[in-house]
Amino acid sequence: MKIMKDPQSRPSALRITAGVILGIVVGFFVFFGIALVLGALNIPVSMQFAENIFSLIVFTISMIVCIALVLWLVWTTPPTEPEQEAESE
């Protein structure tokens, strides 16, 4: 995996915003997957966060982990730069 060579360079605000949005979307799908698996194991996980504290905890953990992982990927992956054409003489 490539890591940004310059430790001072930071990703742009647009990349960070896109990472947060992607983390939220992925977090929802991860939560639904966890709820599906736990429901199949007869562990009560409801989709209603206000009525079930266990669901809220699972949802919050899945969102935080997914957002953190996506932001880590944004932070450690260098931005894509268009290939520069060779200068003709």
PDB file of N, CA and C in Angstrom:
ATOM      1  N   MET A   1       0.840  -1.169   0.000  1.00  0.00           N
ATOM      2  CA  MET A   1       0.000   0.000   0.000  1.00  0.00           C
ATOM      3  C   MET A   1       0.891   1.239   0.000  1.00  0.00           C
ATOM      4  N   LYS A   2       0.504   2.192  -0.799  1.00  0.00           N
ATOM      5  CA  LYS A   2       1.261   3.435  -0.854  1.00  0.00           C
ATOM      6  C   LYS A   2       0.804   4.356   0.263  1.00  0.00           C
ATOM      7  N   ILE A   3       1.763   4.949   0.932  1.00  0.00           N
ATOM      8  CA  ILE A   3       1.459   5.921   1.972  1.00  0.00           C
ATOM      9  C   ILE A   3       1.995   7.259   1.490  1.00  0.00           C
ATOM     10  N   MET A   4       1.275   8.312   1.836  1.00  0.00           N
ATOM     11  CA  MET A   4       1.695   9.629   1.400  1.00  0.00           C
ATOM     12  C   MET A   4       3.141   9.883   1.833  1.00  0.00           C
ATOM     13  N   LYS A   5       3.969  10.289   0.883  1.00  0.00           N
ATOM     14  CA  LYS A   5       5.386  10.474   1.175  1.00  0.00           C
ATOM     15  C   LYS A   5       5.631  11.709   2.027  1.00  0.00           C
ATOM     16  N   ASP A   6       4.902  12.752   1.774  1.00  0.00           N
ATOM     17  CA  ASP A   6       5.088  13.988   2.511  1.00  0.00           C
ATOM     18  C   ASP A   6       4.162  13.985   3.726  1.00  0.00           C
ATOM     19  N   PRO A   7       4.701  13.874   4.947  1.00  0.00           N
ATOM     20  CA  PRO A   7       3.826  13.806   6.119  1.00  0.00           C
ATOM     21  C   PRO A   7       3.047  15.092   6.360  1.00  0.00           C
ATOM     22  N   GLN A   8       3.514  16.200   5.781  1.00  0.00           N
ATOM     23  CA  GLN A   8       2.826  17.468   5.982  1.00  0.00           C
ATOM     24  C   GLN A   8       1.621  17.629   5.059  1.00  0.00           C
ATOM     25  N   SER A   9       1.582  16.864   3.963  1.00  0.00           N
ATOM     26  CA  SER A   9       0.476  17.016   3.031  1.00  0.00           C
ATOM     27  C   SER A   9      -0.782  16.387   3.623  1.00  0.00           C
ATOM     28  N   ARG A  10      -1.867  17.085   3.498  1.00  0.00           N
ATOM     29  CA  ARG A  10      -3.136  16.611   4.026  1.00  0.00           C
ATOM     30  C   ARG A  10      -4.124  16.526   2.877  1.00  0.00           C
ATOM     31  N   PRO A  11      -5.072  15.600   2.979  1.00  0.00           N
ATOM     32  CA  PRO A  11      -6.069  15.513   1.916  1.00  0.00           C
ATOM     33  C   PRO A  11      -6.951  16.762   1.900  1.00  0.00           C
ATOM     34  N   SER A  12      -7.502  17.033   0.740  1.00  0.00           N
ATOM     35  CA  SER A  12      -8.350  18.214   0.606  1.00  0.00           C
ATOM     36  C   SER A  12      -9.660  18.017   1.373  1.00  0.00           C
ATOM     37  N   ALA A  13     -10.342  19.110   1.612  1.00  0.00           N
ATOM     38  CA  ALA A  13     -11.620  19.063   2.334  1.00  0.00           C
ATOM     39  C   ALA A  13     -12.646  18.243   1.557  1.00  0.00           C
ATOM     40  N   LEU A  14     -12.569  18.279   0.235  1.00  0.00           N
ATOM     41  CA  LEU A  14     -13.499  17.511  -0.587  1.00  0.00           C
ATOM     42  C   LEU A  14     -13.289  16.006  -0.391  1.00  0.00           C
ATOM     43  N   ARG A  15     -12.036  15.570  -0.332  1.00  0.00           N
ATOM     44  CA  ARG A  15     -11.761  14.146  -0.104  1.00  0.00           C
ATOM     45  C   ARG A  15     -12.201  13.720   1.289  1.00  0.00           C
ATOM     46  N   ILE A  16     -12.002  14.560   2.288  1.00  0.00           N
ATOM     47  CA  ILE A  16     -12.429  14.228   3.647  1.00  0.00           C
ATOM     48  C   ILE A  16     -13.947  14.149   3.724  1.00  0.00           C
ATOM     49  N   THR A  17     -14.635  15.100   3.102  1.00  0.00           N
ATOM     50  CA  THR A  17     -16.098  15.094   3.087  1.00  0.00           C
ATOM     51  C   THR A  17     -16.621  13.849   2.382  1.00  0.00           C
ATOM     52  N   ALA A  18     -16.026  13.514   1.250  1.00  0.00           N
ATOM     53  CA  ALA A  18     -16.437  12.308   0.533  1.00  0.00           C
ATOM     54  C   ALA A  18     -16.172  11.060   1.370  1.00  0.00           C
ATOM     55  N   GLY A  19     -15.084  11.045   2.124  1.00  0.00           N
ATOM     56  CA  GLY A  19     -14.779   9.917   2.994  1.00  0.00           C
ATOM     57  C   GLY A  19     -15.799   9.758   4.107  1.00  0.00           C
ATOM     58  N   VAL A  20     -16.221  10.869   4.698  1.00  0.00           N
ATOM     59  CA  VAL A  20     -17.232  10.812   5.759  1.00  0.00           C
ATOM     60  C   VAL A  20     -18.556  10.305   5.203  1.00  0.00           C
ATOM     61  N   ILE A  21     -18.960  10.815   4.047  1.00  0.00           N
ATOM     62  CA  ILE A  21     -20.223  10.373   3.440  1.00  0.00           C
ATOM     63  C   ILE A  21     -20.162   8.891   3.092  1.00  0.00           C
ATOM     64  N   LEU A  22     -19.061   8.448   2.514  1.00  0.00           N
ATOM     65  CA  LEU A  22     -18.906   7.031   2.188  1.00  0.00           C
ATOM     66  C   LEU A  22     -18.895   6.174   3.452  1.00  0.00           C
ATOM     67  N   GLY A  23     -18.262   6.664   4.511  1.00  0.00           N
ATOM     68  CA  GLY A  23     -18.256   5.941   5.774  1.00  0.00           C
ATOM     69  C   GLY A  23     -19.646   5.789   6.361  1.00  0.00           C
ATOM     70  N   ILE A  24     -20.473   6.814   6.239  1.00  0.00           N
ATOM     71  CA  ILE A  24     -21.852   6.742   6.737  1.00  0.00           C
ATOM     72  C   ILE A  24     -22.654   5.720   5.945  1.00  0.00           C
ATOM     73  N   VAL A  25     -22.524   5.749   4.621  1.00  0.00           N
ATOM     74  CA  VAL A  25     -23.258   4.802   3.777  1.00  0.00           C
ATOM     75  C   VAL A  25     -22.822   3.366   4.070  1.00  0.00           C
ATOM     76  N   VAL A  26     -21.514   3.146   4.141  1.00  0.00           N
ATOM     77  CA  VAL A  26     -21.009   1.809   4.429  1.00  0.00           C
ATOM     78  C   VAL A  26     -21.417   1.382   5.835  1.00  0.00           C
ATOM     79  N   GLY A  27     -21.410   2.312   6.778  1.00  0.00           N
ATOM     80  CA  GLY A  27     -21.808   2.008   8.149  1.00  0.00           C
ATOM     81  C   GLY A  27     -23.238   1.518   8.247  1.00  0.00           C
ATOM     82  N   PHE A  28     -24.149   2.125   7.474  1.00  0.00           N
ATOM     83  CA  PHE A  28     -25.538   1.656   7.464  1.00  0.00           C
ATOM     84  C   PHE A  28     -25.619   0.213   6.975  1.00  0.00           C
ATOM     85  N   PHE A  29     -24.924  -0.091   5.887  1.00  0.00           N
ATOM     86  CA  PHE A  29     -24.967  -1.451   5.361  1.00  0.00           C
ATOM     87  C   PHE A  29     -24.324  -2.455   6.315  1.00  0.00           C
ATOM     88  N   VAL A  30     -23.234  -2.050   6.971  1.00  0.00           N
ATOM     89  CA  VAL A  30     -22.593  -2.932   7.947  1.00  0.00           C
ATOM     90  C   VAL A  30     -23.540  -3.185   9.120  1.00  0.00           C
ATOM     91  N   PHE A  31     -24.229  -2.136   9.588  1.00  0.00           N
ATOM     92  CA  PHE A  31     -25.173  -2.313  10.689  1.00  0.00           C
ATOM     93  C   PHE A  31     -26.290  -3.270  10.290  1.00  0.00           C
ATOM     94  N   PHE A  32     -26.835  -3.099   9.104  1.00  0.00           N
ATOM     95  CA  PHE A  32     -27.912  -3.992   8.677  1.00  0.00           C
ATOM     96  C   PHE A  32     -27.408  -5.426   8.535  1.00  0.00           C
ATOM     97  N   GLY A  33     -26.187  -5.597   8.078  1.00  0.00           N
ATOM     98  CA  GLY A  33     -25.607  -6.935   8.007  1.00  0.00           C
ATOM     99  C   GLY A  33     -25.421  -7.552   9.385  1.00  0.00           C
ATOM    100  N   ILE A  34     -24.917  -6.746  10.333  1.00  0.00           N
ATOM    101  CA  ILE A  34     -24.761  -7.242  11.706  1.00  0.00           C
ATOM    102  C   ILE A  34     -26.116  -7.583  12.308  1.00  0.00           C
ATOM    103  N   ALA A  35     -27.117  -6.716  12.084  1.00  0.00           N
ATOM    104  CA  ALA A  35     -28.456  -6.972  12.614  1.00  0.00           C
ATOM    105  C   ALA A  35     -29.047  -8.243  12.010  1.00  0.00           C
ATOM    106  N   LEU A  36     -28.795  -8.478  10.737  1.00  0.00           N
ATOM    107  CA  LEU A  36     -29.300  -9.685  10.080  1.00  0.00           C
ATOM    108  C   LEU A  36     -28.663 -10.937  10.685  1.00  0.00           C
ATOM    109  N   VAL A  37     -27.349 -10.901  10.883  1.00  0.00           N
ATOM    110  CA  VAL A  37     -26.653 -12.052  11.464  1.00  0.00           C
ATOM    111  C   VAL A  37     -27.092 -12.280  12.907  1.00  0.00           C
ATOM    112  N   LEU A  38     -27.162 -11.217  13.696  1.00  0.00           N
ATOM    113  CA  LEU A  38     -27.580 -11.368  15.093  1.00  0.00           C
ATOM    114  C   LEU A  38     -29.039 -11.812  15.196  1.00  0.00           C
ATOM    115  N   GLY A  39     -29.870 -11.339  14.282  1.00  0.00           N
ATOM    116  CA  GLY A  39     -31.265 -11.789  14.264  1.00  0.00           C
ATOM    117  C   GLY A  39     -31.382 -13.260  13.927  1.00  0.00           C
ATOM    118  N   ALA A  40     -30.525 -13.751  13.054  1.00  0.00           N
ATOM    119  CA  ALA A  40     -30.533 -15.171  12.709  1.00  0.00           C
ATOM    120  C   ALA A  40     -30.060 -16.025  13.883  1.00  0.00           C
ATOM    121  N   LEU A  41     -29.280 -15.438  14.771  1.00  0.00           N
ATOM    122  CA  LEU A  41     -28.800 -16.145  15.952  1.00  0.00           C
ATOM    123  C   LEU A  41     -29.740 -15.983  17.149  1.00  0.00           C
ATOM    124  N   ASN A  42     -30.929 -15.449  16.903  1.00  0.00           N
ATOM    125  CA  ASN A  42     -31.957 -15.214  17.929  1.00  0.00           C
ATOM    126  C   ASN A  42     -31.511 -14.238  19.009  1.00  0.00           C
ATOM    127  N   ILE A  43     -30.654 -13.299  18.653  1.00  0.00           N
ATOM    128  CA  ILE A  43     -30.288 -12.203  19.550  1.00  0.00           C
ATOM    129  C   ILE A  43     -31.134 -11.010  19.115  1.00  0.00           C
ATOM    130  N   PRO A  44     -31.949 -10.457  20.009  1.00  0.00           N
ATOM    131  CA  PRO A  44     -32.881  -9.395  19.604  1.00  0.00           C
ATOM    132  C   PRO A  44     -32.175  -8.091  19.239  1.00  0.00           C
ATOM    133  N   VAL A  45     -32.185  -7.773  17.964  1.00  0.00           N
ATOM    134  CA  VAL A  45     -31.660  -6.501  17.475  1.00  0.00           C
ATOM    135  C   VAL A  45     -32.765  -5.866  16.658  1.00  0.00           C
ATOM    136  N   SER A  46     -33.243  -4.728  17.118  1.00  0.00           N
ATOM    137  CA  SER A  46     -34.328  -4.034  16.436  1.00  0.00           C
ATOM    138  C   SER A  46     -33.749  -2.899  15.601  1.00  0.00           C
ATOM    139  N   MET A  47     -34.482  -2.491  14.587  1.00  0.00           N
ATOM    140  CA  MET A  47     -34.060  -1.353  13.777  1.00  0.00           C
ATOM    141  C   MET A  47     -34.473  -0.032  14.421  1.00  0.00           C
ATOM    142  N   GLN A  48     -35.195  -0.088  15.516  1.00  0.00           N
ATOM    143  CA  GLN A  48     -35.657   1.115  16.208  1.00  0.00           C
ATOM    144  C   GLN A  48     -34.685   1.423  17.342  1.00  0.00           C
ATOM    145  N   PHE A  49     -33.855   2.436  17.124  1.00  0.00           N
ATOM    146  CA  PHE A  49     -32.791   2.760  18.069  1.00  0.00           C
ATOM    147  C   PHE A  49     -33.337   3.262  19.397  1.00  0.00           C
ATOM    148  N   ALA A  50     -34.449   3.994  19.369  1.00  0.00           N
ATOM    149  CA  ALA A  50     -34.974   4.599  20.594  1.00  0.00           C
ATOM    150  C   ALA A  50     -35.531   3.557  21.558  1.00  0.00           C
ATOM    151  N   GLU A  51     -35.928   2.402  21.074  1.00  0.00           N
ATOM    152  CA  GLU A  51     -36.531   1.391  21.929  1.00  0.00           C
ATOM    153  C   GLU A  51     -35.551   0.320  22.381  1.00  0.00           C
ATOM    154  N   ASN A  52     -34.414   0.211  21.742  1.00  0.00           N
ATOM    155  CA  ASN A  52     -33.486  -0.863  22.063  1.00  0.00           C
ATOM    156  C   ASN A  52     -32.075  -0.288  22.167  1.00  0.00           C
ATOM    157  N   ILE A  53     -31.533  -0.210  23.372  1.00  0.00           N
ATOM    158  CA  ILE A  53     -30.208   0.369  23.584  1.00  0.00           C
ATOM    159  C   ILE A  53     -29.117  -0.484  22.935  1.00  0.00           C
ATOM    160  N   PHE A  54     -29.312  -1.792  22.861  1.00  0.00           N
ATOM    161  CA  PHE A  54     -28.333  -2.673  22.215  1.00  0.00           C
ATOM    162  C   PHE A  54     -28.207  -2.325  20.735  1.00  0.00           C
ATOM    163  N   SER A  55     -29.340  -2.036  20.084  1.00  0.00           N
ATOM    164  CA  SER A  55     -29.305  -1.646  18.667  1.00  0.00           C
ATOM    165  C   SER A  55     -28.565  -0.332  18.481  1.00  0.00           C
ATOM    166  N   LEU A  56     -28.787   0.592  19.389  1.00  0.00           N
ATOM    167  CA  LEU A  56     -28.106   1.887  19.299  1.00  0.00           C
ATOM    168  C   LEU A  56     -26.603   1.724  19.457  1.00  0.00           C
ATOM    169  N   ILE A  57     -26.189   0.871  20.368  1.00  0.00           N
ATOM    170  CA  ILE A  57     -24.755   0.634  20.583  1.00  0.00           C
ATOM    171  C   ILE A  57     -24.123  -0.008  19.349  1.00  0.00           C
ATOM    172  N   VAL A  58     -24.780  -1.026  18.791  1.00  0.00           N
ATOM    173  CA  VAL A  58     -24.257  -1.689  17.591  1.00  0.00           C
ATOM    174  C   VAL A  58     -24.202  -0.710  16.422  1.00  0.00           C
ATOM    175  N   PHE A  59     -25.238   0.105  16.264  1.00  0.00           N
ATOM    176  CA  PHE A  59     -25.286   1.092  15.190  1.00  0.00           C
ATOM    177  C   PHE A  59     -24.161   2.116  15.344  1.00  0.00           C
ATOM    178  N   THR A  60     -23.984   2.647  16.545  1.00  0.00           N
ATOM    179  CA  THR A  60     -22.961   3.664  16.784  1.00  0.00           C
ATOM    180  C   THR A  60     -21.561   3.109  16.546  1.00  0.00           C
ATOM    181  N   ILE A  61     -21.311   1.915  17.034  1.00  0.00           N
ATOM    182  CA  ILE A  61     -19.985   1.310  16.830  1.00  0.00           C
ATOM    183  C   ILE A  61     -19.719   1.064  15.356  1.00  0.00           C
ATOM    184  N   SER A  62     -20.716   0.562  14.632  1.00  0.00           N
ATOM    185  CA  SER A  62     -20.510   0.301  13.200  1.00  0.00           C
ATOM    186  C   SER A  62     -20.268   1.596  12.433  1.00  0.00           C
ATOM    187  N   MET A  63     -20.973   2.662  12.785  1.00  0.00           N
ATOM    188  CA  MET A  63     -20.773   3.937  12.096  1.00  0.00           C
ATOM    189  C   MET A  63     -19.383   4.516  12.388  1.00  0.00           C
ATOM    190  N   ILE A  64     -18.988   4.503  13.650  1.00  0.00           N
ATOM    191  CA  ILE A  64     -17.688   5.070  14.020  1.00  0.00           C
ATOM    192  C   ILE A  64     -16.554   4.290  13.357  1.00  0.00           C
ATOM    193  N   VAL A  65     -16.635   2.974  13.388  1.00  0.00           N
ATOM    194  CA  VAL A  65     -15.574   2.152  12.791  1.00  0.00           C
ATOM    195  C   VAL A  65     -15.501   2.369  11.284  1.00  0.00           C
ATOM    196  N   CYS A  66     -16.641   2.384  10.615  1.00  0.00           N
ATOM    197  CA  CYS A  66     -16.628   2.553   9.148  1.00  0.00           C
ATOM    198  C   CYS A  66     -16.127   3.934   8.747  1.00  0.00           C
ATOM    199  N   ILE A  67     -16.567   4.974   9.435  1.00  0.00           N
ATOM    200  CA  ILE A  67     -16.098   6.321   9.113  1.00  0.00           C
ATOM    201  C   ILE A  67     -14.598   6.426   9.374  1.00  0.00           C
ATOM    202  N   ALA A  68     -14.129   5.858  10.480  1.00  0.00           N
ATOM    203  CA  ALA A  68     -12.697   5.911  10.799  1.00  0.00           C
ATOM    204  C   ALA A  68     -11.866   5.166   9.757  1.00  0.00           C
ATOM    205  N   LEU A  69     -12.340   3.997   9.314  1.00  0.00           N
ATOM    206  CA  LEU A  69     -11.585   3.233   8.315  1.00  0.00           C
ATOM    207  C   LEU A  69     -11.528   3.961   6.974  1.00  0.00           C
ATOM    208  N   VAL A  70     -12.640   4.538   6.556  1.00  0.00           N
ATOM    209  CA  VAL A  70     -12.641   5.258   5.279  1.00  0.00           C
ATOM    210  C   VAL A  70     -11.760   6.503   5.371  1.00  0.00           C
ATOM    211  N   LEU A  71     -11.821   7.233   6.487  1.00  0.00           N
ATOM    212  CA  LEU A  71     -10.963   8.409   6.633  1.00  0.00           C
ATOM    213  C   LEU A  71      -9.488   8.007   6.694  1.00  0.00           C
ATOM    214  N   TRP A  72      -9.192   6.865   7.298  1.00  0.00           N
ATOM    215  CA  TRP A  72      -7.809   6.385   7.301  1.00  0.00           C
ATOM    216  C   TRP A  72      -7.350   6.101   5.876  1.00  0.00           C
ATOM    217  N   LEU A  73      -8.227   5.484   5.072  1.00  0.00           N
ATOM    218  CA  LEU A  73      -7.870   5.227   3.671  1.00  0.00           C
ATOM    219  C   LEU A  73      -7.665   6.527   2.906  1.00  0.00           C
ATOM    220  N   VAL A  74      -8.521   7.520   3.139  1.00  0.00           N
ATOM    221  CA  VAL A  74      -8.369   8.821   2.474  1.00  0.00           C
ATOM    222  C   VAL A  74      -7.050   9.459   2.892  1.00  0.00           C
ATOM    223  N   TRP A  75      -6.725   9.355   4.166  1.00  0.00           N
ATOM    224  CA  TRP A  75      -5.524  10.013   4.680  1.00  0.00           C
ATOM    225  C   TRP A  75      -4.247   9.348   4.181  1.00  0.00           C
ATOM    226  N   THR A  76      -4.248   8.032   4.023  1.00  0.00           N
ATOM    227  CA  THR A  76      -3.016   7.326   3.653  1.00  0.00           C
ATOM    228  C   THR A  76      -2.854   7.112   2.154  1.00  0.00           C
ATOM    229  N   THR A  77      -3.884   7.339   1.367  1.00  0.00           N
ATOM    230  CA  THR A  77      -3.798   7.148  -0.076  1.00  0.00           C
ATOM    231  C   THR A  77      -3.512   8.483  -0.744  1.00  0.00           C
ATOM    232  N   PRO A  78      -2.479   8.549  -1.560  1.00  0.00           N
ATOM    233  CA  PRO A  78      -2.194   9.821  -2.230  1.00  0.00           C
ATOM    234  C   PRO A  78      -3.275  10.140  -3.256  1.00  0.00           C
ATOM    235  N   PRO A  79      -3.508  11.422  -3.502  1.00  0.00           N
ATOM    236  CA  PRO A  79      -4.520  11.784  -4.497  1.00  0.00           C
ATOM    237  C   PRO A  79      -4.090  11.357  -5.890  1.00  0.00           C
ATOM    238  N   THR A  80      -5.068  11.054  -6.707  1.00  0.00           N
ATOM    239  CA  THR A  80      -4.791  10.672  -8.081  1.00  0.00           C
ATOM    240  C   THR A  80      -4.379  11.900  -8.874  1.00  0.00           C
ATOM    241  N   GLU A  81      -3.254  11.798  -9.520  1.00  0.00           N
ATOM    242  CA  GLU A  81      -2.780  12.901 -10.340  1.00  0.00           C
ATOM    243  C   GLU A  81      -2.808  12.476 -11.798  1.00  0.00           C
ATOM    244  N   PRO A  82      -3.294  13.343 -12.668  1.00  0.00           N
ATOM    245  CA  PRO A  82      -3.306  12.973 -14.083  1.00  0.00           C
ATOM    246  C   PRO A  82      -1.878  12.838 -14.597  1.00  0.00           C
ATOM    247  N   GLU A  83      -1.712  11.842 -15.458  1.00  0.00           N
ATOM    248  CA  GLU A  83      -0.374  11.627 -16.033  1.00  0.00           C
ATOM    249  C   GLU A  83      -0.033  12.786 -16.955  1.00  0.00           C
ATOM    250  N   GLN A  84       1.168  13.308 -16.768  1.00  0.00           N
ATOM    251  CA  GLN A  84       1.599  14.423 -17.597  1.00  0.00           C
ATOM    252  C   GLN A  84       2.251  13.877 -18.858  1.00  0.00           C
ATOM    253  N   GLU A  85       1.879  14.460 -19.959  1.00  0.00           N
ATOM    254  CA  GLU A  85       2.433  14.022 -21.232  1.00  0.00           C
ATOM    255  C   GLU A  85       3.888  14.456 -21.344  1.00  0.00           C
ATOM    256  N   ALA A  86       4.650  13.638 -22.030  1.00  0.00           N
ATOM    257  CA  ALA A  86       6.058  13.969 -22.234  1.00  0.00           C
ATOM    258  C   ALA A  86       6.151  15.222 -23.096  1.00  0.00           C
ATOM    259  N   GLU A  87       7.047  16.092 -22.701  1.00  0.00           N
ATOM    260  CA  GLU A  87       7.199  17.330 -23.455  1.00  0.00           C
ATOM    261  C   GLU A  87       7.884  17.042 -24.786  1.00  0.00           C
ATOM    262  N   SER A  88       7.290  17.548 -25.829  1.00  0.00           N
ATOM    263  CA  SER A  88       7.899  17.343 -27.149  1.00  0.00           C
ATOM    264  C   SER A  88       8.939  18.441 -27.399  1.00  0.00           C
ATOM    265  N   GLU A  89       9.979  18.075 -28.111  1.00  0.00           N
ATOM    266  CA  GLU A  89      11.060  19.040 -28.368  1.00  0.00           C
ATOM    267  C   GLU A  89      10.755  19.909 -29.527  1.00  0.00           C
TER     268      GLU A  89
END
